[in-house]
C-alpha atoms as a PDB file:
ATOM      1  CA  MET A   1       0.000   0.000   0.000  1.00  0.00           C
ATOM      2  CA  ASN A   2       1.284   3.472  -0.857  1.00  0.00           C
ATOM      3  CA  GLN A   3       1.785   5.962   1.914  1.00  0.00           C
ATOM      4  CA  ALA A   4       0.904   9.654   1.931  1.00  0.00           C
ATOM      5  CA  PRO A   5       3.453  11.727  -0.003  1.00  0.00           C
ATOM      6  CA  LYS A   6       6.670  12.461   1.865  1.00  0.00           C
ATOM      7  CA  VAL A   7       9.027  15.394   1.383  1.00  0.00           C
ATOM      8  CA  ALA A   8      12.649  14.449   0.832  1.00  0.00           C
ATOM      9  CA  TYR A   9      15.847  16.119  -0.352  1.00  0.00           C
ATOM     10  CA  ILE A  10      18.373  14.550  -2.707  1.00  0.00           C
ATOM     11  CA  GLY A  11      21.869  15.838  -3.405  1.00  0.00           C
ATOM     12  CA  LEU A  12      23.012  15.382  -6.992  1.00  0.00           C
ATOM     13  CA  GLY A  13      26.562  15.528  -8.316  1.00  0.00           C
ATOM     14  CA  SER A  14      28.448  14.725 -11.512  1.00  0.00           C
ATOM     15  CA  ASN A  15      32.045  15.146 -12.628  1.00  0.00           C
ATOM     16  CA  LEU A  16      32.180  13.057 -15.820  1.00  0.00           C
ATOM     17  CA  GLY A  17      30.774  13.772 -19.262  1.00  0.00           C
ATOM     18  CA  ASP A  18      28.197  16.517 -19.693  1.00  0.00           C
ATOM     19  CA  ARG A  19      27.835  17.153 -15.978  1.00  0.00           C
ATOM     20  CA  ALA A  20      24.850  19.500 -16.139  1.00  0.00           C
ATOM     21  CA  GLN A  21      23.025  17.174 -18.527  1.00  0.00           C
ATOM     22  CA  ASN A  22      23.731  14.207 -16.234  1.00  0.00           C
ATOM     23  CA  ILE A  23      22.014  16.094 -13.388  1.00  0.00           C
ATOM     24  CA  GLN A  24      19.060  16.885 -15.659  1.00  0.00           C
ATOM     25  CA  ASN A  25      18.866  13.249 -16.790  1.00  0.00           C
ATOM     26  CA  ALA A  26      18.818  12.093 -13.158  1.00  0.00           C
ATOM     27  CA  ILE A  27      15.982  14.502 -12.345  1.00  0.00           C
ATOM     28  CA  GLU A  28      13.981  13.291 -15.335  1.00  0.00           C
ATOM     29  CA  ALA A  29      14.587   9.642 -14.414  1.00  0.00           C
ATOM     30  CA  LEU A  30      13.354  10.272 -10.865  1.00  0.00           C
ATOM     31  CA  GLN A  31      10.211  11.947 -12.227  1.00  0.00           C
ATOM     32  CA  GLU A  32       9.510   8.868 -14.338  1.00  0.00           C
ATOM     33  CA  ASN A  33       9.563   6.753 -11.149  1.00  0.00           C
ATOM     34  CA  HIS A  34       6.918   8.088  -8.728  1.00  0.00           C
ATOM     35  CA  VAL A  35       8.912  11.145  -7.679  1.00  0.00           C
ATOM     36  CA  HIS A  36       7.610  14.698  -8.052  1.00  0.00           C
ATOM     37  CA  VAL A  37      10.437  17.228  -8.160  1.00  0.00           C
ATOM     38  CA  ALA A  38       9.014  20.271  -6.367  1.00  0.00           C
ATOM     39  CA  ALA A  39      12.135  22.467  -6.461  1.00  0.00           C
ATOM     40  CA  THR A  40      15.648  22.412  -7.889  1.00  0.00           C
ATOM     41  CA  SER A  41      18.546  24.488  -6.620  1.00  0.00           C
ATOM     42  CA  GLN A  42      20.948  26.322  -8.853  1.00  0.00           C
ATOM     43  CA  LEU A  43      23.873  24.321 -10.192  1.00  0.00           C
ATOM     44  CA  TYR A  44      27.239  24.835  -8.502  1.00  0.00           C
ATOM     45  CA  GLU A  45      30.685  23.931  -9.806  1.00  0.00           C
ATOM     46  CA  THR A  46      32.920  22.659  -7.015  1.00  0.00           C
ATOM     47  CA  ASN A  47      36.232  20.950  -6.470  1.00  0.00           C
ATOM     48  CA  PRO A  48      36.157  17.265  -5.499  1.00  0.00           C
ATOM     49  CA  VAL A  49      36.257  16.676  -1.726  1.00  0.00           C
ATOM     50  CA  ASP A  50      38.010  13.832   0.127  1.00  0.00           C
ATOM     51  CA  VAL A  51      39.377  12.147  -3.002  1.00  0.00           C
ATOM     52  CA  CYS A  52      42.623  10.225  -3.408  1.00  0.00           C
ATOM     53  CA  GLU A  53      43.382  11.158  -7.009  1.00  0.00           C
ATOM     54  CA  GLN A  54      43.059  14.269  -9.157  1.00  0.00           C
ATOM     55  CA  GLN A  55      39.568  14.534 -10.625  1.00  0.00           C
ATOM     56  CA  PRO A  56      37.502  16.937 -12.722  1.00  0.00           C
ATOM     57  CA  LYS A  57      35.315  19.483 -10.932  1.00  0.00           C
ATOM     58  CA  TYR A  58      31.796  18.552  -9.933  1.00  0.00           C
ATOM     59  CA  ILE A  59      28.490  20.110 -10.770  1.00  0.00           C
ATOM     60  CA  ASN A  60      26.241  19.858  -7.693  1.00  0.00           C
ATOM     61  CA  ALA A  61      22.575  20.578  -6.984  1.00  0.00           C
ATOM     62  CA  VAL A  62      19.884  19.618  -4.496  1.00  0.00           C
ATOM     63  CA  ILE A  63      16.259  18.815  -5.270  1.00  0.00           C
ATOM     64  CA  ARG A  64      13.214  18.856  -3.008  1.00  0.00           C
ATOM     65  CA  ILE A  65      10.859  16.038  -3.900  1.00  0.00           C
ATOM     66  CA  GLN A  66       7.514  14.628  -2.939  1.00  0.00           C
ATOM     67  CA  THR A  67       7.012  10.893  -3.201  1.00  0.00           C
ATOM     68  CA  SER A  68       4.846   8.086  -1.946  1.00  0.00           C
ATOM     69  CA  LEU A  69       7.874   5.778  -2.035  1.00  0.00           C
ATOM     70  CA  THR A  70       9.138   4.503   1.292  1.00  0.00           C
ATOM     71  CA  LEU A  71      12.598   5.557   2.390  1.00  0.00           C
ATOM     72  CA  GLN A  72      14.018   2.163   1.430  1.00  0.00           C
ATOM     73  CA  ALA A  73      12.279   2.172  -1.960  1.00  0.00           C
ATOM     74  CA  LEU A  74      13.561   5.691  -2.692  1.00  0.00           C
ATOM     75  CA  PHE A  75      17.083   4.672  -1.683  1.00  0.00           C
ATOM     76  CA  GLU A  76      16.933   1.606  -3.937  1.00  0.00           C
ATOM     77  CA  LEU A  77      15.611   3.750  -6.805  1.00  0.00           C
ATOM     78  CA  THR A  78      18.521   6.200  -6.517  1.00  0.00           C
ATOM     79  CA  ARG A  79      21.037   3.330  -6.474  1.00  0.00           C
ATOM     80  CA  SER A  80      19.384   1.738  -9.502  1.00  0.00           C
ATOM     81  CA  LEU A  81      19.375   5.020 -11.435  1.00  0.00           C
ATOM     82  CA  GLU A  82      23.036   5.624 -10.577  1.00  0.00           C
ATOM     83  CA  TYR A  83      23.849   2.206 -12.017  1.00  0.00           C
ATOM     84  CA  ILE A  84      21.758   2.758 -15.148  1.00  0.00           C
ATOM     85  CA  MET A  85      23.534   6.099 -15.675  1.00  0.00           C
ATOM     86  CA  GLY A  86      26.938   4.402 -15.528  1.00  0.00           C
ATOM     87  CA  ARG A  87      28.015   4.501 -11.896  1.00  0.00           C
ATOM     88  CA  ARG A  88      29.692   1.295 -10.748  1.00  0.00           C
ATOM     89  CA  ASP A  89      31.750   2.388  -7.741  1.00  0.00           C
ATOM     90  CA  LYS A  90      29.487   3.665  -4.955  1.00  0.00           C
ATOM     91  CA  GLY A  91      31.627   4.775  -2.067  1.00  0.00           C
ATOM     92  CA  GLU A  92      34.981   4.514  -3.856  1.00  0.00           C
ATOM     93  CA  LYS A  93      35.492   8.297  -4.216  1.00  0.00           C
ATOM     94  CA  LYS A  94      36.202   7.966  -7.922  1.00  0.00           C
ATOM     95  CA  PRO A  95      34.906  10.210 -10.721  1.00  0.00           C
ATOM     96  CA  ARG A  96      31.263   9.555 -11.508  1.00  0.00           C
ATOM     97  CA  THR A  97      28.623  10.342 -14.073  1.00  0.00           C
ATOM     98  CA  ILE A  98      26.064  10.754 -11.302  1.00  0.00           C
ATOM     99  CA  ASP A  99      25.913  10.658  -7.534  1.00  0.00           C
ATOM    100  CA  MET A 100      22.557  10.739  -5.734  1.00  0.00           C
ATOM    101  CA  ASP A 101      22.576  11.122  -1.960  1.00  0.00           C
ATOM    102  CA  LEU A 102      19.440  11.069   0.151  1.00  0.00           C
ATOM    103  CA  LEU A 103      19.921  13.948   2.570  1.00  0.00           C
ATOM    104  CA  LEU A 104      16.620  14.214   4.448  1.00  0.00           C
ATOM    105  CA  TYR A 105      13.390  12.214   4.365  1.00  0.00           C
ATOM    106  CA  ASP A 106      10.270  13.723   5.944  1.00  0.00           C
ATOM    107  CA  ASN A 107      11.695  14.422   9.437  1.00  0.00           C
ATOM    108  CA  GLU A 108      12.642  10.754   9.797  1.00  0.00           C
ATOM    109  CA  THR A 109      15.877   9.353  11.128  1.00  0.00           C
ATOM    110  CA  HIS A 110      17.310   6.064   9.954  1.00  0.00           C
ATOM    111  CA  ALA A 111      20.593   4.260  10.377  1.00  0.00           C
ATOM    112  CA  ASP A 112      21.769   0.918   9.076  1.00  0.00           C
ATOM    113  CA  GLN A 113      24.846  -0.365   7.246  1.00  0.00           C
ATOM    114  CA  THR A 114      23.837   1.159   3.894  1.00  0.00           C
ATOM    115  CA  LEU A 115      21.848   4.300   4.695  1.00  0.00           C
ATOM    116  CA  GLN A 116      21.827   7.034   7.298  1.00  0.00           C
ATOM    117  CA  ILE A 117      19.215   9.814   7.394  1.00  0.00           C
ATOM    118  CA  PRO A 118      19.899  12.661   7.908  1.00  0.00           C
ATOM    119  CA  HIS A 119      22.956  12.249   5.709  1.00  0.00           C
ATOM    120  CA  PRO A 120      25.876  12.059   8.164  1.00  0.00           C
ATOM    121  CA  ARG A 121      28.224  14.436   6.321  1.00  0.00           C
ATOM    122  CA  MET A 122      25.848  17.012   4.880  1.00  0.00           C
ATOM    123  CA  THR A 123      26.606  19.635   7.531  1.00  0.00           C
ATOM    124  CA  ASP A 124      30.318  19.492   6.651  1.00  0.00           C
ATOM    125  CA  ARG A 125      29.835  19.962   2.927  1.00  0.00           C
ATOM    126  CA  GLN A 126      29.302  23.389   1.483  1.00  0.00           C
ATOM    127  CA  PHE A 127      28.361  21.871  -1.891  1.00  0.00           C
ATOM    128  CA  VAL A 128      25.384  20.248  -0.124  1.00  0.00           C
ATOM    129  CA  LEU A 129      24.362  22.941   2.355  1.00  0.00           C
ATOM    130  CA  VAL A 130      24.266  25.926   0.011  1.00  0.00           C
ATOM    131  CA  PRO A 131      22.001  24.338  -2.625  1.00  0.00           C
ATOM    132  CA  LEU A 132      19.946  22.642   0.110  1.00  0.00           C
ATOM    133  CA  SER A 133      19.324  26.032   1.732  1.00  0.00           C
ATOM    134  CA  GLU A 134      17.787  27.218  -1.560  1.00  0.00           C
ATOM    135  CA  VAL A 135      15.099  24.516  -1.664  1.00  0.00           C
ATOM    136  CA  LEU A 136      14.575  23.652   2.027  1.00  0.00           C
ATOM    137  CA  THR A 137      11.043  24.301   3.239  1.00  0.00           C
ATOM    138  CA  THR A 138      10.496  21.625   5.871  1.00  0.00           C
ATOM    139  CA  GLY A 139      12.276  18.706   7.460  1.00  0.00           C
ATOM    140  CA  TRP A 140      15.446  20.323   8.840  1.00  0.00           C
ATOM    141  CA  PRO A 141      16.452  18.274  11.920  1.00  0.00           C
ATOM    142  CA  GLU A 142      15.835  20.180  15.146  1.00  0.00           C
ATOM    143  CA  HIS A 143      19.020  18.840  16.744  1.00  0.00           C
ATOM    144  CA  LEU A 144      21.180  20.517  14.078  1.00  0.00           C
ATOM    145  CA  GLU A 145      22.290  24.122  13.974  1.00  0.00           C
ATOM    146  CA  ASP A 146      20.289  26.392  11.674  1.00  0.00           C
ATOM    147  CA  ILE A 147      21.166  25.769   8.015  1.00  0.00           C
ATOM    148  CA  GLN A 148      21.961  29.439   7.304  1.00  0.00           C
ATOM    149  CA  SER A 149      24.430  29.510  10.197  1.00  0.00           C
ATOM    150  CA  LEU A 150      26.039  26.323   8.922  1.00  0.00           C
ATOM    151  CA  CYS A 151      26.383  27.842   5.439  1.00  0.00           C
ATOM    152  CA  GLN A 152      28.236  30.807   6.912  1.00  0.00           C
ATOM    153  CA  GLN A 153      30.946  28.598   8.443  1.00  0.00           C
ATOM    154  CA  PHE A 154      32.683  28.222   5.082  1.00  0.00           C
ATOM    155  CA  ASN A 155      35.385  30.675   4.002  1.00  0.00           C
ATOM    156  CA  GLU A 156      34.670  30.687   0.299  1.00  0.00           C
ATOM    157  CA  THR A 157      31.579  31.453  -1.717  1.00  0.00           C
ATOM    158  CA  LEU A 158      30.256  28.820  -4.087  1.00  0.00           C
ATOM    159  CA  LYS A 159      29.905  29.972  -7.664  1.00  0.00           C
ATOM    160  CA  CYS A 160      26.852  29.116  -9.694  1.00  0.00           C
ATOM    161  CA  PHE A 161      27.444  27.123 -12.834  1.00  0.00           C
ATOM    162  CA  LYS A 162      25.690  28.297 -15.960  1.00  0.00           C
ATOM    163  CA  ALA A 163      25.212  25.401 -18.348  1.00  0.00           C
ATOM    164  CA  ASN A 164      25.902  26.264 -21.958  1.00  0.00           C
ATOM    165  CA  LYS A 165      22.760  25.773 -23.985  1.00  0.00           C
ATOM    166  CA  THR A 166      23.049  25.301 -27.703  1.00  0.00           C
ATOM    167  CA  PRO A 167      20.346  27.008 -29.764  1.00  0.00           C
ATOM    168  CA  ALA A 168      17.691  24.654 -31.040  1.00  0.00           C
END
């Protein structure tokens, strides 16, 4: 049985191929699978974080969604879409066509070996917090510091990425 729609936030990132198009393709794939994308942040170009080898820059964004999928079903959908879009190395910190991280899911907390909600490192990552602050309307964990205050802890300003559009 489907549950009432839940609000969730997904971080998206890509540093291989047409990065902005990969993000758009991921959004479209989610929409084809019982996910309503209610808001999309701007795109940000950022340096890779916590990697072992030199990599291309990332394009990052966050989306606010509504879905009747359970947390586990949404998690499995994101993993499946990552695989379909060419990702084979979840967790290996290698370049990727797409990365989808569940950040928040309807004020719920969850922790097991494969998934933790809220995302355990989101408050340390400017490339997550800044776009999340653009689309956040509900669901920020009460035990965490205010998102705007967390965004101010970083020394540099993220720059928006403007995707080049070719005329039709």
